[in-house]
Amino acid sequence: MANTSQEVERYSWEGKLKFETAEDEMLLGLGQYEDGIYDYREKKEYLYQSNMKISMPFLISTGGYIKQLPYFENLTFWDN
């Protein structure tokens, strides 16, 4: 029987995007989820596609701007 195992090199990257918001500013968007979160201030959300989860890498602010987040496959949004 032949040996079918194969060694594969894998790479990963980590990046951070930081920006400041006003205390009364709401952060909206990020997609369609079942948890009912409207304002993502002080929240953590994992953005990935699944059966009942639709990720949209856009963050909409009540401060009057929209940010498109760098989104490749998996992304963690965390306002801490």
PDB file of N, CA and C in Angstrom:
ATOM      1  N   MET A   1       0.843  -1.176   0.000  1.00  0.00           N
ATOM      2  CA  MET A   1       0.000   0.000   0.000  1.00  0.00           C
ATOM      3  C   MET A   1       0.894   1.247   0.000  1.00  0.00           C
ATOM      4  N   ALA A   2       0.580   2.211  -0.834  1.00  0.00           N
ATOM      5  CA  ALA A   2       1.378   3.422  -0.966  1.00  0.00           C
ATOM      6  C   ALA A   2       1.122   4.373   0.202  1.00  0.00           C
ATOM      7  N   ASN A   3       2.146   5.135   0.563  1.00  0.00           N
ATOM      8  CA  ASN A   3       2.021   6.152   1.602  1.00  0.00           C
ATOM      9  C   ASN A   3       1.368   7.385   0.988  1.00  0.00           C
ATOM     10  N   THR A   4       0.172   7.740   1.436  1.00  0.00           N
ATOM     11  CA  THR A   4      -0.561   8.867   0.841  1.00  0.00           C
ATOM     12  C   THR A   4      -0.445  10.146   1.650  1.00  0.00           C
ATOM     13  N   SER A   5       0.316  10.151   2.740  1.00  0.00           N
ATOM     14  CA  SER A   5       0.454  11.381   3.529  1.00  0.00           C
ATOM     15  C   SER A   5       1.343  12.367   2.774  1.00  0.00           C
ATOM     16  N   GLN A   6       1.035  13.637   2.956  1.00  0.00           N
ATOM     17  CA  GLN A   6       1.773  14.668   2.244  1.00  0.00           C
ATOM     18  C   GLN A   6       2.006  15.831   3.198  1.00  0.00           C
ATOM     19  N   GLU A   7       3.191  16.393   3.162  1.00  0.00           N
ATOM     20  CA  GLU A   7       3.513  17.533   4.001  1.00  0.00           C
ATOM     21  C   GLU A   7       3.157  18.805   3.236  1.00  0.00           C
ATOM     22  N   VAL A   8       2.439  19.721   3.917  1.00  0.00           N
ATOM     23  CA  VAL A   8       1.983  20.944   3.269  1.00  0.00           C
ATOM     24  C   VAL A   8       2.457  22.140   4.102  1.00  0.00           C
ATOM     25  N   GLU A   9       3.059  23.119   3.440  1.00  0.00           N
ATOM     26  CA  GLU A   9       3.447  24.338   4.141  1.00  0.00           C
ATOM     27  C   GLU A   9       2.240  25.267   4.220  1.00  0.00           C
ATOM     28  N   ARG A  10       2.025  25.874   5.386  1.00  0.00           N
ATOM     29  CA  ARG A  10       0.903  26.793   5.568  1.00  0.00           C
ATOM     30  C   ARG A  10       1.421  28.106   6.141  1.00  0.00           C
ATOM     31  N   TYR A  11       0.806  29.169   5.717  1.00  0.00           N
ATOM     32  CA  TYR A  11       1.180  30.497   6.180  1.00  0.00           C
ATOM     33  C   TYR A  11      -0.061  31.195   6.717  1.00  0.00           C
ATOM     34  N   SER A  12       0.123  32.055   7.678  1.00  0.00           N
ATOM     35  CA  SER A  12      -0.993  32.870   8.165  1.00  0.00           C
ATOM     36  C   SER A  12      -0.471  34.262   8.481  1.00  0.00           C
ATOM     37  N   TRP A  13      -1.375  35.219   8.441  1.00  0.00           N
ATOM     38  CA  TRP A  13      -1.039  36.597   8.703  1.00  0.00           C
ATOM     39  C   TRP A  13      -2.026  37.157   9.709  1.00  0.00           C
ATOM     40  N   GLU A  14      -1.576  38.143  10.453  1.00  0.00           N
ATOM     41  CA  GLU A  14      -2.453  38.852  11.375  1.00  0.00           C
ATOM     42  C   GLU A  14      -2.222  40.334  11.163  1.00  0.00           C
ATOM     43  N   GLY A  15      -3.303  41.065  11.120  1.00  0.00           N
ATOM     44  CA  GLY A  15      -3.217  42.505  10.975  1.00  0.00           C
ATOM     45  C   GLY A  15      -4.228  43.165  11.882  1.00  0.00           C
ATOM     46  N   LYS A  16      -4.025  44.421  12.177  1.00  0.00           N
ATOM     47  CA  LYS A  16      -4.967  45.162  13.022  1.00  0.00           C
ATOM     48  C   LYS A  16      -5.273  46.492  12.370  1.00  0.00           C
ATOM     49  N   LEU A  17      -6.508  46.883  12.456  1.00  0.00           N
ATOM     50  CA  LEU A  17      -6.963  48.175  11.977  1.00  0.00           C
ATOM     51  C   LEU A  17      -7.519  48.916  13.181  1.00  0.00           C
ATOM     52  N   LYS A  18      -6.924  50.053  13.521  1.00  0.00           N
ATOM     53  CA  LYS A  18      -7.375  50.806  14.693  1.00  0.00           C
ATOM     54  C   LYS A  18      -7.866  52.176  14.248  1.00  0.00           C
ATOM     55  N   PHE A  19      -8.973  52.602  14.832  1.00  0.00           N
ATOM     56  CA  PHE A  19      -9.460  53.952  14.614  1.00  0.00           C
ATOM     57  C   PHE A  19     -10.232  54.380  15.849  1.00  0.00           C
ATOM     58  N   GLU A  20     -10.322  55.687  16.052  1.00  0.00           N
ATOM     59  CA  GLU A  20     -10.994  56.229  17.230  1.00  0.00           C
ATOM     60  C   GLU A  20     -12.394  56.679  16.865  1.00  0.00           C
ATOM     61  N   THR A  21     -13.315  56.493  17.813  1.00  0.00           N
ATOM     62  CA  THR A  21     -14.704  56.908  17.629  1.00  0.00           C
ATOM     63  C   THR A  21     -15.135  57.756  18.813  1.00  0.00           C
ATOM     64  N   ALA A  22     -16.144  58.569  18.599  1.00  0.00           N
ATOM     65  CA  ALA A  22     -16.693  59.383  19.684  1.00  0.00           C
ATOM     66  C   ALA A  22     -17.464  58.484  20.651  1.00  0.00           C
ATOM     67  N   GLU A  23     -17.591  58.908  21.892  1.00  0.00           N
ATOM     68  CA  GLU A  23     -18.265  58.096  22.902  1.00  0.00           C
ATOM     69  C   GLU A  23     -19.719  57.808  22.570  1.00  0.00           C
ATOM     70  N   ASP A  24     -20.407  58.762  21.937  1.00  0.00           N
ATOM     71  CA  ASP A  24     -21.831  58.577  21.632  1.00  0.00           C
ATOM     72  C   ASP A  24     -22.071  58.005  20.230  1.00  0.00           C
ATOM     73  N   GLU A  25     -21.003  57.611  19.554  1.00  0.00           N
ATOM     74  CA  GLU A  25     -21.103  57.101  18.192  1.00  0.00           C
ATOM     75  C   GLU A  25     -21.507  55.621  18.198  1.00  0.00           C
ATOM     76  N   MET A  26     -22.438  55.260  17.316  1.00  0.00           N
ATOM     77  CA  MET A  26     -22.852  53.858  17.174  1.00  0.00           C
ATOM     78  C   MET A  26     -22.135  53.247  15.981  1.00  0.00           C
ATOM     79  N   LEU A  27     -21.776  51.963  16.095  1.00  0.00           N
ATOM     80  CA  LEU A  27     -21.139  51.225  15.011  1.00  0.00           C
ATOM     81  C   LEU A  27     -22.106  50.148  14.543  1.00  0.00           C
ATOM     82  N   LEU A  28     -22.570  50.270  13.314  1.00  0.00           N
ATOM     83  CA  LEU A  28     -23.610  49.403  12.761  1.00  0.00           C
ATOM     84  C   LEU A  28     -23.061  48.622  11.573  1.00  0.00           C
ATOM     85  N   GLY A  29     -23.798  47.639  11.136  1.00  0.00           N
ATOM     86  CA  GLY A  29     -23.430  46.899   9.931  1.00  0.00           C
ATOM     87  C   GLY A  29     -22.896  45.515  10.236  1.00  0.00           C
ATOM     88  N   LEU A  30     -21.872  45.103   9.525  1.00  0.00           N
ATOM     89  CA  LEU A  30     -21.151  43.835   9.631  1.00  0.00           C
ATOM     90  C   LEU A  30     -21.914  42.628   9.110  1.00  0.00           C
ATOM     91  N   GLY A  31     -23.168  42.759   8.728  1.00  0.00           N
ATOM     92  CA  GLY A  31     -23.868  41.624   8.142  1.00  0.00           C
ATOM     93  C   GLY A  31     -25.193  41.310   8.800  1.00  0.00           C
ATOM     94  N   GLN A  32     -25.623  40.079   8.624  1.00  0.00           N
ATOM     95  CA  GLN A  32     -26.929  39.627   9.086  1.00  0.00           C
ATOM     96  C   GLN A  32     -26.732  38.416   9.992  1.00  0.00           C
ATOM     97  N   TYR A  33     -27.076  38.578  11.263  1.00  0.00           N
ATOM     98  CA  TYR A  33     -26.848  37.535  12.260  1.00  0.00           C
ATOM     99  C   TYR A  33     -28.119  37.311  13.070  1.00  0.00           C
ATOM    100  N   GLU A  34     -28.138  36.234  13.814  1.00  0.00           N
ATOM    101  CA  GLU A  34     -29.321  35.886  14.606  1.00  0.00           C
ATOM    102  C   GLU A  34     -29.253  36.372  16.048  1.00  0.00           C
ATOM    103  N   ASP A  35     -28.147  37.015  16.451  1.00  0.00           N
ATOM    104  CA  ASP A  35     -27.999  37.392  17.853  1.00  0.00           C
ATOM    105  C   ASP A  35     -28.672  38.716  18.216  1.00  0.00           C
ATOM    106  N   GLY A  36     -29.169  39.463  17.247  1.00  0.00           N
ATOM    107  CA  GLY A  36     -29.931  40.678  17.526  1.00  0.00           C
ATOM    108  C   GLY A  36     -29.106  41.883  17.926  1.00  0.00           C
ATOM    109  N   ILE A  37     -27.812  41.873  17.727  1.00  0.00           N
ATOM    110  CA  ILE A  37     -26.979  43.032  18.071  1.00  0.00           C
ATOM    111  C   ILE A  37     -27.166  44.094  16.992  1.00  0.00           C
ATOM    112  N   TYR A  38     -27.441  45.308  17.422  1.00  0.00           N
ATOM    113  CA  TYR A  38     -27.637  46.427  16.496  1.00  0.00           C
ATOM    114  C   TYR A  38     -26.404  47.329  16.501  1.00  0.00           C
ATOM    115  N   ASP A  39     -25.930  47.674  17.682  1.00  0.00           N
ATOM    116  CA  ASP A  39     -24.769  48.538  17.864  1.00  0.00           C
ATOM    117  C   ASP A  39     -23.600  47.668  18.323  1.00  0.00           C
ATOM    118  N   TYR A  40     -22.502  47.682  17.572  1.00  0.00           N
ATOM    119  CA  TYR A  40     -21.359  46.831  17.884  1.00  0.00           C
ATOM    120  C   TYR A  40     -20.321  47.499  18.771  1.00  0.00           C
ATOM    121  N   ARG A  41     -20.668  48.610  19.412  1.00  0.00           N
ATOM    122  CA  ARG A  41     -19.753  49.215  20.379  1.00  0.00           C
ATOM    123  C   ARG A  41     -19.526  48.228  21.514  1.00  0.00           C
ATOM    124  N   GLU A  42     -18.266  48.062  21.880  1.00  0.00           N
ATOM    125  CA  GLU A  42     -17.846  47.169  22.968  1.00  0.00           C
ATOM    126  C   GLU A  42     -18.307  45.726  22.757  1.00  0.00           C
ATOM    127  N   LYS A  43     -18.404  45.299  21.510  1.00  0.00           N
ATOM    128  CA  LYS A  43     -18.820  43.930  21.167  1.00  0.00           C
ATOM    129  C   LYS A  43     -17.713  43.257  20.361  1.00  0.00           C
ATOM    130  N   LYS A  44     -17.787  41.944  20.297  1.00  0.00           N
ATOM    131  CA  LYS A  44     -16.876  41.145  19.483  1.00  0.00           C
ATOM    132  C   LYS A  44     -17.716  40.300  18.539  1.00  0.00           C
ATOM    133  N   GLU A  45     -17.360  40.296  17.263  1.00  0.00           N
ATOM    134  CA  GLU A  45     -18.114  39.525  16.269  1.00  0.00           C
ATOM    135  C   GLU A  45     -17.133  38.838  15.336  1.00  0.00           C
ATOM    136  N   TYR A  46     -17.353  37.561  15.092  1.00  0.00           N
ATOM    137  CA  TYR A  46     -16.551  36.790  14.152  1.00  0.00           C
ATOM    138  C   TYR A  46     -17.271  36.805  12.805  1.00  0.00           C
ATOM    139  N   LEU A  47     -16.613  37.336  11.785  1.00  0.00           N
ATOM    140  CA  LEU A  47     -17.222  37.422  10.461  1.00  0.00           C
ATOM    141  C   LEU A  47     -16.765  36.249   9.607  1.00  0.00           C
ATOM    142  N   TYR A  48     -17.686  35.392   9.255  1.00  0.00           N
ATOM    143  CA  TYR A  48     -17.444  34.270   8.357  1.00  0.00           C
ATOM    144  C   TYR A  48     -18.793  33.839   7.801  1.00  0.00           C
ATOM    145  N   GLN A  49     -18.765  33.173   6.686  1.00  0.00           N
ATOM    146  CA  GLN A  49     -19.987  32.703   6.046  1.00  0.00           C
ATOM    147  C   GLN A  49     -20.394  31.348   6.634  1.00  0.00           C
ATOM    148  N   SER A  50     -21.660  31.192   6.903  1.00  0.00           N
ATOM    149  CA  SER A  50     -22.211  29.895   7.293  1.00  0.00           C
ATOM    150  C   SER A  50     -23.671  29.873   6.870  1.00  0.00           C
ATOM    151  N   ASN A  51     -24.376  28.829   7.241  1.00  0.00           N
ATOM    152  CA  ASN A  51     -25.744  28.632   6.780  1.00  0.00           C
ATOM    153  C   ASN A  51     -26.677  29.796   7.129  1.00  0.00           C
ATOM    154  N   MET A  52     -26.680  30.249   8.374  1.00  0.00           N
ATOM    155  CA  MET A  52     -27.603  31.299   8.813  1.00  0.00           C
ATOM    156  C   MET A  52     -26.872  32.598   9.166  1.00  0.00           C
ATOM    157  N   LYS A  53     -25.682  32.798   8.668  1.00  0.00           N
ATOM    158  CA  LYS A  53     -24.867  33.963   9.001  1.00  0.00           C
ATOM    159  C   LYS A  53     -24.320  34.567   7.715  1.00  0.00           C
ATOM    160  N   ILE A  54     -24.628  35.824   7.468  1.00  0.00           N
ATOM    161  CA  ILE A  54     -24.183  36.497   6.250  1.00  0.00           C
ATOM    162  C   ILE A  54     -23.271  37.645   6.643  1.00  0.00           C
ATOM    163  N   SER A  55     -22.005  37.531   6.327  1.00  0.00           N
ATOM    164  CA  SER A  55     -21.025  38.553   6.690  1.00  0.00           C
ATOM    165  C   SER A  55     -20.911  39.607   5.606  1.00  0.00           C
ATOM    166  N   MET A  56     -20.894  40.853   6.028  1.00  0.00           N
ATOM    167  CA  MET A  56     -20.670  41.984   5.136  1.00  0.00           C
ATOM    168  C   MET A  56     -19.608  42.852   5.799  1.00  0.00           C
ATOM    169  N   PRO A  57     -18.425  42.979   5.221  1.00  0.00           N
ATOM    170  CA  PRO A  57     -17.337  43.685   5.885  1.00  0.00           C
ATOM    171  C   PRO A  57     -17.439  45.211   5.803  1.00  0.00           C
ATOM    172  N   PHE A  58     -18.616  45.735   6.103  1.00  0.00           N
ATOM    173  CA  PHE A  58     -18.821  47.185   6.119  1.00  0.00           C
ATOM    174  C   PHE A  58     -19.241  47.610   7.512  1.00  0.00           C
ATOM    175  N   LEU A  59     -18.612  48.647   8.016  1.00  0.00           N
ATOM    176  CA  LEU A  59     -18.940  49.207   9.317  1.00  0.00           C
ATOM    177  C   LEU A  59     -19.507  50.595   9.078  1.00  0.00           C
ATOM    178  N   ILE A  60     -20.733  50.813   9.490  1.00  0.00           N
ATOM    179  CA  ILE A  60     -21.417  52.084   9.277  1.00  0.00           C
ATOM    180  C   ILE A  60     -21.478  52.812  10.611  1.00  0.00           C
ATOM    181  N   SER A  61     -21.100  54.066  10.620  1.00  0.00           N
ATOM    182  CA  SER A  61     -21.040  54.843  11.849  1.00  0.00           C
ATOM    183  C   SER A  61     -22.098  55.938  11.850  1.00  0.00           C
ATOM    184  N   THR A  62     -22.645  56.207  13.023  1.00  0.00           N
ATOM    185  CA  THR A  62     -23.547  57.353  13.136  1.00  0.00           C
ATOM    186  C   THR A  62     -22.759  58.661  13.110  1.00  0.00           C
ATOM    187  N   GLY A  63     -21.426  58.570  13.075  1.00  0.00           N
ATOM    188  CA  GLY A  63     -20.572  59.750  12.932  1.00  0.00           C
ATOM    189  C   GLY A  63     -20.479  60.228  11.494  1.00  0.00           C
ATOM    190  N   GLY A  64     -21.162  59.529  10.563  1.00  0.00           N
ATOM    191  CA  GLY A  64     -21.236  59.999   9.188  1.00  0.00           C
ATOM    192  C   GLY A  64     -20.231  59.377   8.233  1.00  0.00           C
ATOM    193  N   TYR A  65     -19.697  58.220   8.542  1.00  0.00           N
ATOM    194  CA  TYR A  65     -18.760  57.583   7.626  1.00  0.00           C
ATOM    195  C   TYR A  65     -19.028  56.080   7.558  1.00  0.00           C
ATOM    196  N   ILE A  66     -18.492  55.460   6.510  1.00  0.00           N
ATOM    197  CA  ILE A  66     -18.573  54.009   6.312  1.00  0.00           C
ATOM    198  C   ILE A  66     -17.154  53.503   6.101  1.00  0.00           C
ATOM    199  N   LYS A  67     -16.792  52.407   6.745  1.00  0.00           N
ATOM    200  CA  LYS A  67     -15.487  51.787   6.540  1.00  0.00           C
ATOM    201  C   LYS A  67     -15.691  50.401   5.944  1.00  0.00           C
ATOM    202  N   GLN A  68     -14.972  50.120   4.883  1.00  0.00           N
ATOM    203  CA  GLN A  68     -14.952  48.763   4.354  1.00  0.00           C
ATOM    204  C   GLN A  68     -13.762  48.067   4.992  1.00  0.00           C
ATOM    205  N   LEU A  69     -14.034  47.002   5.723  1.00  0.00           N
ATOM    206  CA  LEU A  69     -12.979  46.299   6.435  1.00  0.00           C
ATOM    207  C   LEU A  69     -12.253  45.352   5.490  1.00  0.00           C
ATOM    208  N   PRO A  70     -10.946  45.190   5.682  1.00  0.00           N
ATOM    209  CA  PRO A  70     -10.218  44.218   4.856  1.00  0.00           C
ATOM    210  C   PRO A  70     -10.717  42.819   5.173  1.00  0.00           C
ATOM    211  N   TYR A  71     -11.274  42.150   4.220  1.00  0.00           N
ATOM    212  CA  TYR A  71     -11.956  40.877   4.474  1.00  0.00           C
ATOM    213  C   TYR A  71     -11.490  39.858   3.458  1.00  0.00           C
ATOM    214  N   PHE A  72     -10.859  38.833   3.921  1.00  0.00           N
ATOM    215  CA  PHE A  72     -10.392  37.793   3.015  1.00  0.00           C
ATOM    216  C   PHE A  72     -11.232  36.540   3.200  1.00  0.00           C
ATOM    217  N   GLU A  73     -11.107  35.903   4.328  1.00  0.00           N
ATOM    218  CA  GLU A  73     -11.899  34.715   4.568  1.00  0.00           C
ATOM    219  C   GLU A  73     -12.531  34.756   5.951  1.00  0.00           C
ATOM    220  N   ASN A  74     -11.737  34.991   6.965  1.00  0.00           N
ATOM    221  CA  ASN A  74     -12.237  35.092   8.342  1.00  0.00           C
ATOM    222  C   ASN A  74     -11.730  36.400   8.942  1.00  0.00           C
ATOM    223  N   LEU A  75     -12.587  37.045   9.707  1.00  0.00           N
ATOM    224  CA  LEU A  75     -12.240  38.328  10.296  1.00  0.00           C
ATOM    225  C   LEU A  75     -12.907  38.410  11.670  1.00  0.00           C
ATOM    226  N   THR A  76     -12.192  38.974  12.622  1.00  0.00           N
ATOM    227  CA  THR A  76     -12.761  39.221  13.946  1.00  0.00           C
ATOM    228  C   THR A  76     -12.864  40.712  14.149  1.00  0.00           C
ATOM    229  N   PHE A  77     -14.074  41.217  14.388  1.00  0.00           N
ATOM    230  CA  PHE A  77     -14.271  42.613  14.747  1.00  0.00           C
ATOM    231  C   PHE A  77     -14.383  42.662  16.256  1.00  0.00           C
ATOM    232  N   TRP A  78     -13.610  43.564  16.857  1.00  0.00           N
ATOM    233  CA  TRP A  78     -13.627  43.668  18.318  1.00  0.00           C
ATOM    234  C   TRP A  78     -13.435  45.111  18.699  1.00  0.00           C
ATOM    235  N   ASP A  79     -14.448  45.742  19.237  1.00  0.00           N
ATOM    236  CA  ASP A  79     -14.376  47.120  19.720  1.00  0.00           C
ATOM    237  C   ASP A  79     -14.088  47.043  21.218  1.00  0.00           C
ATOM    238  N   ASN A  80     -12.823  47.161  21.576  1.00  0.00           N
ATOM    239  CA  ASN A  80     -12.460  47.091  22.995  1.00  0.00           C
ATOM    240  C   ASN A  80     -11.764  48.334  23.461  1.00  0.00           C
TER     241      ASN A  80
END
